[in-house]
């Protein structure tokens, strides 16, 4: 599953940034926690931006 998470994050990242609403959508589509998406983004040195809920 981790490979799939990384793949989805990389596909949706622009200039090393991933909007919060996109990160949440990835988590929901893959049925994983927001925390897992945040951890994978951290490992990839990708910044999650425009966070409305404080999830990341």
C-alpha atoms as a PDB file:
ATOM      1  CA  UNK A   1       0.000   0.000   0.000  1.00  0.00           C
ATOM      2  CA  UNK A   2       2.865   2.390   0.765  1.00  0.00           C
ATOM      3  CA  UNK A   3       4.007   2.259  -2.870  1.00  0.00           C
ATOM      4  CA  UNK A   4       0.504   3.203  -3.968  1.00  0.00           C
ATOM      5  CA  UNK A   5       0.397   6.124  -1.508  1.00  0.00           C
ATOM      6  CA  UNK A   6       3.772   7.408  -2.732  1.00  0.00           C
ATOM      7  CA  UNK A   7       2.681   7.033  -6.354  1.00  0.00           C
ATOM      8  CA  UNK A   8      -0.522   9.016  -5.798  1.00  0.00           C
ATOM      9  CA  UNK A   9       1.253  11.761  -3.855  1.00  0.00           C
ATOM     10  CA  UNK A  10       3.911  12.137  -6.546  1.00  0.00           C
ATOM     11  CA  UNK A  11       1.265  12.318  -9.293  1.00  0.00           C
ATOM     12  CA  UNK A  12      -0.562  15.148  -7.562  1.00  0.00           C
ATOM     13  CA  UNK A  13       2.411  17.159  -6.262  1.00  0.00           C
ATOM     14  CA  UNK A  14       3.347  20.431  -7.947  1.00  0.00           C
ATOM     15  CA  UNK A  15       6.650  22.144  -7.083  1.00  0.00           C
ATOM     16  CA  UNK A  16       7.081  19.944  -3.974  1.00  0.00           C
ATOM     17  CA  UNK A  17       3.707  21.076  -2.633  1.00  0.00           C
ATOM     18  CA  UNK A  18       0.483  19.170  -2.164  1.00  0.00           C
ATOM     19  CA  UNK A  19      -2.733  21.029  -1.293  1.00  0.00           C
ATOM     20  CA  UNK A  20      -4.463  19.755   1.828  1.00  0.00           C
ATOM     21  CA  UNK A  21      -7.733  18.985   0.062  1.00  0.00           C
ATOM     22  CA  UNK A  22      -5.825  16.807  -2.431  1.00  0.00           C
ATOM     23  CA  UNK A  23      -4.022  14.985   0.383  1.00  0.00           C
ATOM     24  CA  UNK A  24      -7.350  14.313   2.112  1.00  0.00           C
ATOM     25  CA  UNK A  25      -8.839  13.023  -1.157  1.00  0.00           C
ATOM     26  CA  UNK A  26      -5.903  10.641  -1.645  1.00  0.00           C
ATOM     27  CA  UNK A  27      -6.398   9.309   1.894  1.00  0.00           C
ATOM     28  CA  UNK A  28     -10.120   8.806   1.357  1.00  0.00           C
ATOM     29  CA  UNK A  29      -9.676   7.189  -2.066  1.00  0.00           C
ATOM     30  CA  UNK A  30      -7.076   4.752  -0.720  1.00  0.00           C
ATOM     31  CA  UNK A  31      -8.943   4.203   2.568  1.00  0.00           C
ATOM     32  CA  UNK A  32      -5.941   5.170   4.696  1.00  0.00           C
ATOM     33  CA  UNK A  33      -5.568   7.684   7.494  1.00  0.00           C
ATOM     34  CA  UNK A  34      -4.597  11.296   6.946  1.00  0.00           C
ATOM     35  CA  UNK A  35      -1.628  10.552   9.175  1.00  0.00           C
ATOM     36  CA  UNK A  36      -0.317   7.960   6.704  1.00  0.00           C
ATOM     37  CA  UNK A  37      -0.503  10.490   3.874  1.00  0.00           C
ATOM     38  CA  UNK A  38       1.236  13.103   6.002  1.00  0.00           C
ATOM     39  CA  UNK A  39       3.997  10.683   6.961  1.00  0.00           C
ATOM     40  CA  UNK A  40       4.585   9.678   3.335  1.00  0.00           C
ATOM     41  CA  UNK A  41       4.664  13.338   2.265  1.00  0.00           C
ATOM     42  CA  UNK A  42       7.205  14.084   5.013  1.00  0.00           C
ATOM     43  CA  UNK A  43       9.397  11.202   3.852  1.00  0.00           C
ATOM     44  CA  UNK A  44       9.249  12.587   0.300  1.00  0.00           C
ATOM     45  CA  UNK A  45      10.022  16.130   1.536  1.00  0.00           C
ATOM     46  CA  UNK A  46       6.706  17.345   0.136  1.00  0.00           C
ATOM     47  CA  UNK A  47       4.982  20.197   1.945  1.00  0.00           C
ATOM     48  CA  UNK A  48       1.232  19.998   2.436  1.00  0.00           C
ATOM     49  CA  UNK A  49      -0.235  23.452   1.892  1.00  0.00           C
ATOM     50  CA  UNK A  50      -3.498  25.286   2.500  1.00  0.00           C
ATOM     51  CA  UNK A  51      -4.538  23.032   5.357  1.00  0.00           C
ATOM     52  CA  UNK A  52      -8.017  23.973   6.516  1.00  0.00           C
ATOM     53  CA  UNK A  53      -8.441  21.358   9.241  1.00  0.00           C
ATOM     54  CA  UNK A  54      -5.004  21.120  10.817  1.00  0.00           C
ATOM     55  CA  UNK A  55      -4.739  17.476   9.809  1.00  0.00           C
ATOM     56  CA  UNK A  56      -1.200  17.778   8.470  1.00  0.00           C
END
